[in-house]
């Protein structure tokens, strides 16, 4: 079956109608490689309202009907975390290529089931860390590869925001995979693994040691604030933090033997501060040099175009999230969750 629409763009279906689904639909509207053809929701009314708002041709009142559309070639999964695994597997079984929101699963062993389904049914699969596909991240990788700051010794990364616990909200409900570590802590973990890997000549690295601490809310039952110390091969240290009830610095700092790099907006790639930028400071100097990486018309557009460009390869190249990178990230998150004492019930898996 042809992977493209008559106008040569790749036809996408969006599974889910929440805020992030609307954001990605907006990016698809700007793409030269892809187009949002269909949307699937749990009700026809919700699907139609979403389709009207986003200019999507085919609204479906169930996820199953979306997967039955023979013209949809890629499905973007934007459901709560706890539904990622079953619907990613259903997509693979239907022969649909997959871009799934992070985290791919609640546990590494379940993420492995999705990867195996993609391999068995020969479909594309990527976990949707949009920052990994952005030119700013590619620029950061090049600076480290070129030895701009000498040998990397310490990585600091944080992602946290001030959320207000609401009964039944997915962020604060373990049944939906709620909690800081899975929702946003996966970002600094993925960045630390990326930088430690690049610094040692690999696409990513796995921590030799991990120690974690955190606060589990008495009323919510999920990790609301958490920190972790990691050690990587080569003696590289990392400190990561995350929160859904506290506003953090939300930046990345990389310290080397000859200087440091600071990314003020690593996760939104400068869209919240007027454009991408990386600050370079030489050792023992007070003035930082501002490096300006290339921008993008939309934060999520590079991710979408990466999917289209590498569909035949079934996964993207680094620093995009390869299958092995995703599995390693999930294993690290498992370790952090265990250190904090956060567990999800069997019904949420």
C-alpha atoms as a PDB file:
ATOM      1  CA  UNK A   1       0.000   0.000   0.000  1.00  0.00           C
ATOM      2  CA  UNK A   2       1.227   3.495  -0.847  1.00  0.00           C
ATOM      3  CA  UNK A   3       2.306   5.471   2.238  1.00  0.00           C
ATOM      4  CA  UNK A   4       1.322   8.820   0.721  1.00  0.00           C
ATOM      5  CA  UNK A   5      -1.821  10.757  -0.192  1.00  0.00           C
ATOM      6  CA  UNK A   6      -2.520  11.820  -3.794  1.00  0.00           C
ATOM      7  CA  UNK A   7      -0.769  15.149  -3.079  1.00  0.00           C
ATOM      8  CA  UNK A   8       2.337  13.138  -2.056  1.00  0.00           C
ATOM      9  CA  UNK A   9       2.007  13.878   1.656  1.00  0.00           C
ATOM     10  CA  UNK A  10       1.984  11.129   4.266  1.00  0.00           C
ATOM     11  CA  UNK A  11      -1.529  10.608   5.690  1.00  0.00           C
ATOM     12  CA  UNK A  12      -1.725  10.701   9.505  1.00  0.00           C
ATOM     13  CA  UNK A  13      -4.415   9.772  11.978  1.00  0.00           C
ATOM     14  CA  UNK A  14      -4.489  11.257  15.470  1.00  0.00           C
ATOM     15  CA  UNK A  15      -5.581   8.914  18.257  1.00  0.00           C
ATOM     16  CA  UNK A  16      -6.820  11.105  21.113  1.00  0.00           C
ATOM     17  CA  UNK A  17      -8.148  14.652  21.288  1.00  0.00           C
ATOM     18  CA  UNK A  18      -6.380  16.315  24.213  1.00  0.00           C
ATOM     19  CA  UNK A  19      -4.179  19.414  24.290  1.00  0.00           C
ATOM     20  CA  UNK A  20      -1.066  17.743  22.905  1.00  0.00           C
ATOM     21  CA  UNK A  21      -3.114  16.214  20.070  1.00  0.00           C
ATOM     22  CA  UNK A  22      -4.234  19.692  19.030  1.00  0.00           C
ATOM     23  CA  UNK A  23      -0.673  20.956  19.151  1.00  0.00           C
ATOM     24  CA  UNK A  24       0.594  18.192  16.895  1.00  0.00           C
ATOM     25  CA  UNK A  25      -2.368  18.676  14.555  1.00  0.00           C
ATOM     26  CA  UNK A  26      -1.258  22.280  14.211  1.00  0.00           C
ATOM     27  CA  UNK A  27       2.242  21.175  13.271  1.00  0.00           C
ATOM     28  CA  UNK A  28       0.875  18.718  10.726  1.00  0.00           C
ATOM     29  CA  UNK A  29      -0.960  21.641   9.148  1.00  0.00           C
ATOM     30  CA  UNK A  30       2.413  23.290   8.450  1.00  0.00           C
ATOM     31  CA  UNK A  31       4.198  20.217   7.115  1.00  0.00           C
ATOM     32  CA  UNK A  32       5.204  19.719   3.483  1.00  0.00           C
ATOM     33  CA  UNK A  33       5.699  15.992   4.101  1.00  0.00           C
ATOM     34  CA  UNK A  34       2.601  15.038   6.099  1.00  0.00           C
ATOM     35  CA  UNK A  35      -1.077  15.832   6.583  1.00  0.00           C
ATOM     36  CA  UNK A  36      -3.623  15.083   9.319  1.00  0.00           C
ATOM     37  CA  UNK A  37      -6.300  13.081   7.508  1.00  0.00           C
ATOM     38  CA  UNK A  38      -8.286  11.597  10.398  1.00  0.00           C
ATOM     39  CA  UNK A  39      -8.849  11.751  14.150  1.00  0.00           C
ATOM     40  CA  UNK A  40     -10.212   9.101  16.497  1.00  0.00           C
ATOM     41  CA  UNK A  41     -11.932   9.809  19.799  1.00  0.00           C
ATOM     42  CA  UNK A  42     -14.117   7.897  22.252  1.00  0.00           C
ATOM     43  CA  UNK A  43     -17.206   9.774  21.037  1.00  0.00           C
ATOM     44  CA  UNK A  44     -18.287  11.000  17.610  1.00  0.00           C
ATOM     45  CA  UNK A  45     -19.128  14.445  18.960  1.00  0.00           C
ATOM     46  CA  UNK A  46     -15.636  14.964  20.409  1.00  0.00           C
ATOM     47  CA  UNK A  47     -14.030  13.734  17.200  1.00  0.00           C
ATOM     48  CA  UNK A  48     -16.115  16.102  15.078  1.00  0.00           C
ATOM     49  CA  UNK A  49     -15.360  19.110  17.279  1.00  0.00           C
ATOM     50  CA  UNK A  50     -11.654  18.326  17.134  1.00  0.00           C
ATOM     51  CA  UNK A  51     -11.786  17.830  13.368  1.00  0.00           C
ATOM     52  CA  UNK A  52     -13.645  21.119  12.847  1.00  0.00           C
ATOM     53  CA  UNK A  53     -11.146  23.006  15.000  1.00  0.00           C
ATOM     54  CA  UNK A  54      -8.079  21.461  13.325  1.00  0.00           C
ATOM     55  CA  UNK A  55      -9.329  21.206   9.750  1.00  0.00           C
ATOM     56  CA  UNK A  56      -9.265  17.408   9.656  1.00  0.00           C
ATOM     57  CA  UNK A  57     -11.318  15.612   7.020  1.00  0.00           C
ATOM     58  CA  UNK A  58     -12.316  12.363   8.743  1.00  0.00           C
ATOM     59  CA  UNK A  59     -13.573  12.274  12.363  1.00  0.00           C
ATOM     60  CA  UNK A  60     -14.143   8.853  13.928  1.00  0.00           C
ATOM     61  CA  UNK A  61     -16.070   8.168  17.117  1.00  0.00           C
ATOM     62  CA  UNK A  62     -13.791   5.327  18.188  1.00  0.00           C
ATOM     63  CA  UNK A  63     -10.120   4.446  18.068  1.00  0.00           C
ATOM     64  CA  UNK A  64     -10.982   1.206  16.273  1.00  0.00           C
ATOM     65  CA  UNK A  65     -12.588   3.037  13.356  1.00  0.00           C
ATOM     66  CA  UNK A  66      -9.485   5.177  12.944  1.00  0.00           C
ATOM     67  CA  UNK A  67      -7.352   2.055  12.611  1.00  0.00           C
ATOM     68  CA  UNK A  68      -9.782   0.642  10.044  1.00  0.00           C
ATOM     69  CA  UNK A  69      -9.223   3.576   7.669  1.00  0.00           C
ATOM     70  CA  UNK A  70      -7.019   2.168   4.885  1.00  0.00           C
ATOM     71  CA  UNK A  71      -5.739   5.619   3.904  1.00  0.00           C
ATOM     72  CA  UNK A  72      -4.237   6.387   7.328  1.00  0.00           C
ATOM     73  CA  UNK A  73      -0.596   5.323   7.246  1.00  0.00           C
ATOM     74  CA  UNK A  74       0.801   6.866  10.455  1.00  0.00           C
ATOM     75  CA  UNK A  75      -0.988   7.084  13.795  1.00  0.00           C
ATOM     76  CA  UNK A  76       0.022   9.616  16.419  1.00  0.00           C
ATOM     77  CA  UNK A  77      -0.966   8.259  19.846  1.00  0.00           C
ATOM     78  CA  UNK A  78      -1.935  11.047  22.248  1.00  0.00           C
ATOM     79  CA  UNK A  79      -3.870   9.125  24.897  1.00  0.00           C
ATOM     80  CA  UNK A  80      -3.094   9.044  28.644  1.00  0.00           C
ATOM     81  CA  UNK A  81       0.094   7.119  29.432  1.00  0.00           C
ATOM     82  CA  UNK A  82      -1.690   3.971  30.581  1.00  0.00           C
ATOM     83  CA  UNK A  83      -3.235   3.477  27.120  1.00  0.00           C
ATOM     84  CA  UNK A  84      -0.037   3.818  25.091  1.00  0.00           C
ATOM     85  CA  UNK A  85       0.925   0.146  25.101  1.00  0.00           C
ATOM     86  CA  UNK A  86      -2.383  -1.468  24.078  1.00  0.00           C
ATOM     87  CA  UNK A  87      -3.068   1.050  21.328  1.00  0.00           C
ATOM     88  CA  UNK A  88       0.486   1.063  20.009  1.00  0.00           C
ATOM     89  CA  UNK A  89       0.274  -2.711  19.693  1.00  0.00           C
ATOM     90  CA  UNK A  90      -3.146  -2.416  18.007  1.00  0.00           C
ATOM     91  CA  UNK A  91      -1.660   0.100  15.570  1.00  0.00           C
ATOM     92  CA  UNK A  92       1.192  -2.250  14.711  1.00  0.00           C
ATOM     93  CA  UNK A  93      -1.223  -5.134  14.208  1.00  0.00           C
ATOM     94  CA  UNK A  94      -3.234  -2.923  11.835  1.00  0.00           C
ATOM     95  CA  UNK A  95      -0.089  -2.164   9.835  1.00  0.00           C
ATOM     96  CA  UNK A  96       0.008   1.483  10.898  1.00  0.00           C
ATOM     97  CA  UNK A  97       3.269   3.314  11.503  1.00  0.00           C
ATOM     98  CA  UNK A  98       3.474   4.795  14.994  1.00  0.00           C
ATOM     99  CA  UNK A  99       4.519   8.019  16.686  1.00  0.00           C
ATOM    100  CA  UNK A 100       3.626   7.535  20.358  1.00  0.00           C
ATOM    101  CA  UNK A 101       3.754  10.201  23.032  1.00  0.00           C
ATOM    102  CA  UNK A 102       6.230   9.724  25.829  1.00  0.00           C
ATOM    103  CA  UNK A 103       6.541   7.666  27.867  1.00  0.00           C
ATOM    104  CA  UNK A 104       6.040   4.752  25.519  1.00  0.00           C
ATOM    105  CA  UNK A 105       4.905   2.633  28.476  1.00  0.00           C
ATOM    106  CA  UNK A 106       4.699   2.639  32.258  1.00  0.00           C
ATOM    107  CA  UNK A 107       7.402  -0.034  32.521  1.00  0.00           C
ATOM    108  CA  UNK A 108      10.360  -1.133  30.436  1.00  0.00           C
ATOM    109  CA  UNK A 109       9.021  -4.663  29.979  1.00  0.00           C
ATOM    110  CA  UNK A 110       5.840  -3.258  28.431  1.00  0.00           C
ATOM    111  CA  UNK A 111       7.814  -0.902  26.184  1.00  0.00           C
ATOM    112  CA  UNK A 112       9.638  -3.993  24.923  1.00  0.00           C
ATOM    113  CA  UNK A 113       6.274  -5.484  23.918  1.00  0.00           C
ATOM    114  CA  UNK A 114       5.575  -2.444  21.746  1.00  0.00           C
ATOM    115  CA  UNK A 115       8.999  -2.582  20.106  1.00  0.00           C
ATOM    116  CA  UNK A 116       8.542  -6.273  19.433  1.00  0.00           C
ATOM    117  CA  UNK A 117       5.113  -5.608  17.881  1.00  0.00           C
ATOM    118  CA  UNK A 118       6.617  -2.947  15.608  1.00  0.00           C
ATOM    119  CA  UNK A 119       9.375  -5.337  14.579  1.00  0.00           C
ATOM    120  CA  UNK A 120       6.996  -8.255  14.023  1.00  0.00           C
ATOM    121  CA  UNK A 121       4.573  -6.235  11.894  1.00  0.00           C
ATOM    122  CA  UNK A 122       7.330  -4.259  10.155  1.00  0.00           C
ATOM    123  CA  UNK A 123       6.123  -0.747  10.989  1.00  0.00           C
ATOM    124  CA  UNK A 124       7.851   2.477  11.953  1.00  0.00           C
ATOM    125  CA  UNK A 125       7.910   3.327  15.659  1.00  0.00           C
ATOM    126  CA  UNK A 126       9.202   6.355  17.545  1.00  0.00           C
ATOM    127  CA  UNK A 127       8.643   7.655  21.053  1.00  0.00           C
ATOM    128  CA  UNK A 128       7.691  11.316  20.706  1.00  0.00           C
ATOM    129  CA  UNK A 129      10.462  13.269  22.410  1.00  0.00           C
ATOM    130  CA  UNK A 130      10.119  16.231  20.052  1.00  0.00           C
ATOM    131  CA  UNK A 131      13.210  18.009  21.437  1.00  0.00           C
ATOM    132  CA  UNK A 132      15.395  15.121  20.233  1.00  0.00           C
ATOM    133  CA  UNK A 133      14.478  15.953  16.605  1.00  0.00           C
ATOM    134  CA  UNK A 134      14.975  19.722  16.908  1.00  0.00           C
ATOM    135  CA  UNK A 135      17.984  21.560  15.394  1.00  0.00           C
ATOM    136  CA  UNK A 136      18.867  22.969  18.826  1.00  0.00           C
ATOM    137  CA  UNK A 137      19.541  19.480  20.185  1.00  0.00           C
ATOM    138  CA  UNK A 138      21.553  18.582  17.086  1.00  0.00           C
ATOM    139  CA  UNK A 139      23.657  21.709  17.692  1.00  0.00           C
ATOM    140  CA  UNK A 140      24.247  20.727  21.333  1.00  0.00           C
ATOM    141  CA  UNK A 141      25.383  17.279  20.217  1.00  0.00           C
ATOM    142  CA  UNK A 142      27.853  18.777  17.734  1.00  0.00           C
ATOM    143  CA  UNK A 143      29.345  21.115  20.345  1.00  0.00           C
ATOM    144  CA  UNK A 144      30.023  18.195  22.675  1.00  0.00           C
ATOM    145  CA  UNK A 145      31.399  16.026  19.861  1.00  0.00           C
ATOM    146  CA  UNK A 146      33.748  18.845  18.843  1.00  0.00           C
ATOM    147  CA  UNK A 147      35.114  19.116  22.388  1.00  0.00           C
ATOM    148  CA  UNK A 148      33.858  22.668  22.865  1.00  0.00           C
ATOM    149  CA  UNK A 149      33.992  22.288  26.654  1.00  0.00           C
ATOM    150  CA  UNK A 150      36.677  19.611  26.854  1.00  0.00           C
ATOM    151  CA  UNK A 151      35.787  16.380  28.623  1.00  0.00           C
ATOM    152  CA  UNK A 152      32.270  16.285  30.068  1.00  0.00           C
ATOM    153  CA  UNK A 153      32.248  15.822  33.828  1.00  0.00           C
ATOM    154  CA  UNK A 154      28.788  16.858  35.092  1.00  0.00           C
ATOM    155  CA  UNK A 155      25.287  17.178  33.636  1.00  0.00           C
ATOM    156  CA  UNK A 156      22.453  19.008  35.372  1.00  0.00           C
ATOM    157  CA  UNK A 157      18.941  18.803  33.939  1.00  0.00           C
ATOM    158  CA  UNK A 158      15.509  19.672  35.308  1.00  0.00           C
ATOM    159  CA  UNK A 159      11.908  19.752  34.163  1.00  0.00           C
ATOM    160  CA  UNK A 160       9.147  20.686  36.565  1.00  0.00           C
ATOM    161  CA  UNK A 161       6.079  22.881  36.753  1.00  0.00           C
ATOM    162  CA  UNK A 162       3.582  24.102  39.329  1.00  0.00           C
ATOM    163  CA  UNK A 163       0.477  21.997  38.825  1.00  0.00           C
ATOM    164  CA  UNK A 164      -2.569  21.968  41.054  1.00  0.00           C
ATOM    165  CA  UNK A 165      -3.756  18.469  42.005  1.00  0.00           C
ATOM    166  CA  UNK A 166      -7.228  17.792  40.658  1.00  0.00           C
ATOM    167  CA  UNK A 167      -9.207  14.632  41.439  1.00  0.00           C
ATOM    168  CA  UNK A 168      -9.191  12.332  38.430  1.00  0.00           C
ATOM    169  CA  UNK A 169      -6.679  14.387  36.431  1.00  0.00           C
ATOM    170  CA  UNK A 170      -4.262  12.079  34.598  1.00  0.00           C
ATOM    171  CA  UNK A 171      -1.188  13.836  36.074  1.00  0.00           C
ATOM    172  CA  UNK A 172      -2.249  13.030  39.617  1.00  0.00           C
ATOM    173  CA  UNK A 173      -3.830   9.617  39.118  1.00  0.00           C
ATOM    174  CA  UNK A 174      -1.722   6.458  39.113  1.00  0.00           C
ATOM    175  CA  UNK A 175      -4.388   4.639  37.079  1.00  0.00           C
ATOM    176  CA  UNK A 176      -3.411   6.820  34.119  1.00  0.00           C
ATOM    177  CA  UNK A 177       0.336   6.642  34.710  1.00  0.00           C
ATOM    178  CA  UNK A 178       0.411   9.951  36.564  1.00  0.00           C
ATOM    179  CA  UNK A 179       3.393  11.358  38.441  1.00  0.00           C
ATOM    180  CA  UNK A 180       6.361  13.593  37.723  1.00  0.00           C
ATOM    181  CA  UNK A 181       8.921  10.968  36.727  1.00  0.00           C
ATOM    182  CA  UNK A 182       6.933   9.454  33.867  1.00  0.00           C
ATOM    183  CA  UNK A 183       5.330  12.677  32.672  1.00  0.00           C
ATOM    184  CA  UNK A 184       8.302  15.054  32.608  1.00  0.00           C
ATOM    185  CA  UNK A 185      11.184  13.360  34.436  1.00  0.00           C
ATOM    186  CA  UNK A 186      11.664  11.237  31.337  1.00  0.00           C
ATOM    187  CA  UNK A 187      12.999  14.360  29.582  1.00  0.00           C
ATOM    188  CA  UNK A 188      16.031  15.096  31.809  1.00  0.00           C
ATOM    189  CA  UNK A 189      16.802  11.378  31.987  1.00  0.00           C
ATOM    190  CA  UNK A 190      16.773  11.126  28.198  1.00  0.00           C
ATOM    191  CA  UNK A 191      18.951  14.239  27.907  1.00  0.00           C
ATOM    192  CA  UNK A 192      21.501  13.011  30.459  1.00  0.00           C
ATOM    193  CA  UNK A 193      21.755   9.662  28.652  1.00  0.00           C
ATOM    194  CA  UNK A 194      22.157  11.458  25.321  1.00  0.00           C
ATOM    195  CA  UNK A 195      24.915  13.802  26.507  1.00  0.00           C
ATOM    196  CA  UNK A 196      26.801  11.106  28.426  1.00  0.00           C
ATOM    197  CA  UNK A 197      26.664   8.917  25.334  1.00  0.00           C
ATOM    198  CA  UNK A 198      27.851  11.587  22.912  1.00  0.00           C
ATOM    199  CA  UNK A 199      30.653  12.537  25.317  1.00  0.00           C
ATOM    200  CA  UNK A 200      31.940   8.959  25.210  1.00  0.00           C
ATOM    201  CA  UNK A 201      31.518   8.414  21.468  1.00  0.00           C
ATOM    202  CA  UNK A 202      28.121   6.697  21.520  1.00  0.00           C
ATOM    203  CA  UNK A 203      24.559   7.626  20.583  1.00  0.00           C
ATOM    204  CA  UNK A 204      23.482   7.324  24.233  1.00  0.00           C
ATOM    205  CA  UNK A 205      24.739   5.866  27.489  1.00  0.00           C
ATOM    206  CA  UNK A 206      23.250   3.820  30.293  1.00  0.00           C
ATOM    207  CA  UNK A 207      23.923   4.775  33.923  1.00  0.00           C
ATOM    208  CA  UNK A 208      26.179   2.523  35.969  1.00  0.00           C
ATOM    209  CA  UNK A 209      24.557   3.747  39.169  1.00  0.00           C
ATOM    210  CA  UNK A 210      21.380   5.596  40.076  1.00  0.00           C
ATOM    211  CA  UNK A 211      20.181   6.937  43.405  1.00  0.00           C
ATOM    212  CA  UNK A 212      16.810   8.589  43.653  1.00  0.00           C
ATOM    213  CA  UNK A 213      14.610  10.387  46.142  1.00  0.00           C
ATOM    214  CA  UNK A 214      11.153  11.848  45.905  1.00  0.00           C
ATOM    215  CA  UNK A 215       7.899  12.901  47.519  1.00  0.00           C
ATOM    216  CA  UNK A 216       4.758  10.866  46.913  1.00  0.00           C
ATOM    217  CA  UNK A 217       1.636  12.902  47.620  1.00  0.00           C
ATOM    218  CA  UNK A 218      -0.511  11.591  50.472  1.00  0.00           C
ATOM    219  CA  UNK A 219      -3.698  12.450  48.598  1.00  0.00           C
ATOM    220  CA  UNK A 220      -2.601  11.820  45.012  1.00  0.00           C
ATOM    221  CA  UNK A 221      -0.520   8.690  45.542  1.00  0.00           C
ATOM    222  CA  UNK A 222       1.909   9.706  42.790  1.00  0.00           C
ATOM    223  CA  UNK A 223       5.434  11.105  42.809  1.00  0.00           C
ATOM    224  CA  UNK A 224       5.045  14.890  42.806  1.00  0.00           C
ATOM    225  CA  UNK A 225       8.716  15.863  43.170  1.00  0.00           C
ATOM    226  CA  UNK A 226      11.763  13.683  42.519  1.00  0.00           C
ATOM    227  CA  UNK A 227      15.521  13.942  42.082  1.00  0.00           C
ATOM    228  CA  UNK A 228      18.188  11.459  41.020  1.00  0.00           C
ATOM    229  CA  UNK A 229      21.959  11.228  40.881  1.00  0.00           C
ATOM    230  CA  UNK A 230      23.401   9.120  38.078  1.00  0.00           C
ATOM    231  CA  UNK A 231      26.895   7.933  37.188  1.00  0.00           C
ATOM    232  CA  UNK A 232      27.757   7.049  33.594  1.00  0.00           C
ATOM    233  CA  UNK A 233      30.761   5.330  32.026  1.00  0.00           C
ATOM    234  CA  UNK A 234      33.814   7.563  31.934  1.00  0.00           C
ATOM    235  CA  UNK A 235      33.011   8.923  35.384  1.00  0.00           C
ATOM    236  CA  UNK A 236      30.378  11.341  34.054  1.00  0.00           C
ATOM    237  CA  UNK A 237      27.964  12.444  36.761  1.00  0.00           C
ATOM    238  CA  UNK A 238      24.410  13.681  36.300  1.00  0.00           C
ATOM    239  CA  UNK A 239      21.873  15.326  38.580  1.00  0.00           C
ATOM    240  CA  UNK A 240      18.276  15.367  37.368  1.00  0.00           C
ATOM    241  CA  UNK A 241      15.103  16.698  38.933  1.00  0.00           C
ATOM    242  CA  UNK A 242      11.419  16.767  38.101  1.00  0.00           C
ATOM    243  CA  UNK A 243       8.148  17.978  39.576  1.00  0.00           C
ATOM    244  CA  UNK A 244       4.472  18.482  38.870  1.00  0.00           C
ATOM    245  CA  UNK A 245       3.819  20.675  41.917  1.00  0.00           C
ATOM    246  CA  UNK A 246       6.962  22.861  41.849  1.00  0.00           C
ATOM    247  CA  UNK A 247       8.363  25.169  39.178  1.00  0.00           C
ATOM    248  CA  UNK A 248      11.979  24.186  38.481  1.00  0.00           C
ATOM    249  CA  UNK A 249      14.752  25.840  36.476  1.00  0.00           C
ATOM    250  CA  UNK A 250      13.835  23.786  33.404  1.00  0.00           C
ATOM    251  CA  UNK A 251      17.262  24.023  31.835  1.00  0.00           C
ATOM    252  CA  UNK A 252      20.259  21.843  31.039  1.00  0.00           C
ATOM    253  CA  UNK A 253      23.841  22.595  32.088  1.00  0.00           C
ATOM    254  CA  UNK A 254      26.864  20.615  30.915  1.00  0.00           C
ATOM    255  CA  UNK A 255      30.182  21.166  32.687  1.00  0.00           C
ATOM    256  CA  UNK A 256      33.471  20.122  31.130  1.00  0.00           C
ATOM    257  CA  UNK A 257      37.173  20.473  31.775  1.00  0.00           C
ATOM    258  CA  UNK A 258      37.416  23.566  29.545  1.00  0.00           C
ATOM    259  CA  UNK A 259      34.058  25.283  29.994  1.00  0.00           C
ATOM    260  CA  UNK A 260      30.311  24.811  30.214  1.00  0.00           C
ATOM    261  CA  UNK A 261      27.206  24.816  28.041  1.00  0.00           C
ATOM    262  CA  UNK A 262      23.776  25.963  29.205  1.00  0.00           C
ATOM    263  CA  UNK A 263      20.566  25.331  27.308  1.00  0.00           C
ATOM    264  CA  UNK A 264      17.981  27.752  28.773  1.00  0.00           C
ATOM    265  CA  UNK A 265      15.047  26.099  26.983  1.00  0.00           C
ATOM    266  CA  UNK A 266      15.961  22.475  26.253  1.00  0.00           C
ATOM    267  CA  UNK A 267      12.470  20.977  26.193  1.00  0.00           C
ATOM    268  CA  UNK A 268      10.637  23.665  24.217  1.00  0.00           C
ATOM    269  CA  UNK A 269      13.716  24.541  22.147  1.00  0.00           C
ATOM    270  CA  UNK A 270      13.434  28.279  22.594  1.00  0.00           C
ATOM    271  CA  UNK A 271       9.762  28.654  21.698  1.00  0.00           C
ATOM    272  CA  UNK A 272       9.163  30.053  25.189  1.00  0.00           C
ATOM    273  CA  UNK A 273      12.126  32.486  25.247  1.00  0.00           C
ATOM    274  CA  UNK A 274      12.176  33.979  21.773  1.00  0.00           C
ATOM    275  CA  UNK A 275      14.231  31.385  19.938  1.00  0.00           C
ATOM    276  CA  UNK A 276      16.719  28.548  20.412  1.00  0.00           C
ATOM    277  CA  UNK A 277      20.019  29.379  22.051  1.00  0.00           C
ATOM    278  CA  UNK A 278      22.939  27.730  23.817  1.00  0.00           C
ATOM    279  CA  UNK A 279      25.238  29.619  26.174  1.00  0.00           C
ATOM    280  CA  UNK A 280      28.939  28.773  26.112  1.00  0.00           C
ATOM    281  CA  UNK A 281      31.223  29.857  28.926  1.00  0.00           C
ATOM    282  CA  UNK A 282      34.944  29.220  28.890  1.00  0.00           C
ATOM    283  CA  UNK A 283      36.616  28.102  32.080  1.00  0.00           C
ATOM    284  CA  UNK A 284      37.418  30.988  34.465  1.00  0.00           C
ATOM    285  CA  UNK A 285      35.563  33.630  32.396  1.00  0.00           C
ATOM    286  CA  UNK A 286      32.551  35.687  33.414  1.00  0.00           C
ATOM    287  CA  UNK A 287      31.026  36.310  29.994  1.00  0.00           C
ATOM    288  CA  UNK A 288      28.954  33.722  28.174  1.00  0.00           C
ATOM    289  CA  UNK A 289      28.952  33.494  24.403  1.00  0.00           C
ATOM    290  CA  UNK A 290      25.446  33.115  22.976  1.00  0.00           C
ATOM    291  CA  UNK A 291      25.273  30.475  20.255  1.00  0.00           C
ATOM    292  CA  UNK A 292      22.123  30.563  18.091  1.00  0.00           C
ATOM    293  CA  UNK A 293      21.160  27.203  16.539  1.00  0.00           C
ATOM    294  CA  UNK A 294      18.705  26.985  13.631  1.00  0.00           C
ATOM    295  CA  UNK A 295      15.033  27.388  14.480  1.00  0.00           C
ATOM    296  CA  UNK A 296      11.903  25.664  13.147  1.00  0.00           C
ATOM    297  CA  UNK A 297       8.483  27.000  12.122  1.00  0.00           C
ATOM    298  CA  UNK A 298       6.825  24.839  14.804  1.00  0.00           C
ATOM    299  CA  UNK A 299       8.266  22.970  17.776  1.00  0.00           C
ATOM    300  CA  UNK A 300       6.794  19.654  16.614  1.00  0.00           C
ATOM    301  CA  UNK A 301       7.436  20.047  12.897  1.00  0.00           C
ATOM    302  CA  UNK A 302      10.987  18.550  12.868  1.00  0.00           C
ATOM    303  CA  UNK A 303       9.641  15.463  14.637  1.00  0.00           C
ATOM    304  CA  UNK A 304       6.882  15.009  12.055  1.00  0.00           C
ATOM    305  CA  UNK A 305       9.258  15.450   9.152  1.00  0.00           C
ATOM    306  CA  UNK A 306      11.739  13.022  10.722  1.00  0.00           C
ATOM    307  CA  UNK A 307       9.020  10.374  10.771  1.00  0.00           C
ATOM    308  CA  UNK A 308       8.313  10.941   7.079  1.00  0.00           C
ATOM    309  CA  UNK A 309      11.996  10.948   6.151  1.00  0.00           C
ATOM    310  CA  UNK A 310      12.799   7.670   7.913  1.00  0.00           C
ATOM    311  CA  UNK A 311       9.591   5.709   7.522  1.00  0.00           C
ATOM    312  CA  UNK A 312      11.311   3.091   5.366  1.00  0.00           C
ATOM    313  CA  UNK A 313      14.031   2.656   8.016  1.00  0.00           C
ATOM    314  CA  UNK A 314      11.335   1.929  10.641  1.00  0.00           C
ATOM    315  CA  UNK A 315      13.152   4.139  13.188  1.00  0.00           C
ATOM    316  CA  UNK A 316      14.921   7.495  13.235  1.00  0.00           C
ATOM    317  CA  UNK A 317      18.682   7.981  13.594  1.00  0.00           C
ATOM    318  CA  UNK A 318      20.161   9.598  16.734  1.00  0.00           C
ATOM    319  CA  UNK A 319      19.667  11.986  18.389  1.00  0.00           C
ATOM    320  CA  UNK A 320      16.072  10.982  17.651  1.00  0.00           C
ATOM    321  CA  UNK A 321      14.740   8.220  19.870  1.00  0.00           C
ATOM    322  CA  UNK A 322      15.773   4.886  18.416  1.00  0.00           C
ATOM    323  CA  UNK A 323      14.148   1.713  19.699  1.00  0.00           C
ATOM    324  CA  UNK A 324      17.142   0.805  21.866  1.00  0.00           C
ATOM    325  CA  UNK A 325      17.328   4.357  23.214  1.00  0.00           C
ATOM    326  CA  UNK A 326      13.675   4.198  24.247  1.00  0.00           C
ATOM    327  CA  UNK A 327      14.153   0.833  25.957  1.00  0.00           C
ATOM    328  CA  UNK A 328      17.214   2.108  27.821  1.00  0.00           C
ATOM    329  CA  UNK A 329      15.349   5.230  28.898  1.00  0.00           C
ATOM    330  CA  UNK A 330      12.450   3.140  30.209  1.00  0.00           C
ATOM    331  CA  UNK A 331      14.819   0.905  32.178  1.00  0.00           C
ATOM    332  CA  UNK A 332      16.360   3.979  33.789  1.00  0.00           C
ATOM    333  CA  UNK A 333      12.913   5.349  34.644  1.00  0.00           C
ATOM    334  CA  UNK A 334      12.037   1.978  36.198  1.00  0.00           C
ATOM    335  CA  UNK A 335      15.078   2.292  38.450  1.00  0.00           C
ATOM    336  CA  UNK A 336      14.191   5.856  39.448  1.00  0.00           C
ATOM    337  CA  UNK A 337      10.578   4.925  40.207  1.00  0.00           C
ATOM    338  CA  UNK A 338      11.765   2.002  42.347  1.00  0.00           C
ATOM    339  CA  UNK A 339      14.170   4.244  44.268  1.00  0.00           C
ATOM    340  CA  UNK A 340      11.335   6.687  45.007  1.00  0.00           C
ATOM    341  CA  UNK A 341       8.929   3.886  45.934  1.00  0.00           C
ATOM    342  CA  UNK A 342       6.431   4.645  43.171  1.00  0.00           C
ATOM    343  CA  UNK A 343       4.559   1.613  41.865  1.00  0.00           C
ATOM    344  CA  UNK A 344       1.743   1.226  39.382  1.00  0.00           C
ATOM    345  CA  UNK A 345      -0.965  -1.400  39.762  1.00  0.00           C
ATOM    346  CA  UNK A 346      -1.364  -4.272  37.336  1.00  0.00           C
ATOM    347  CA  UNK A 347      -4.542  -2.656  36.014  1.00  0.00           C
ATOM    348  CA  UNK A 348      -2.558   0.349  34.810  1.00  0.00           C
ATOM    349  CA  UNK A 349      -0.119  -1.758  32.786  1.00  0.00           C
END
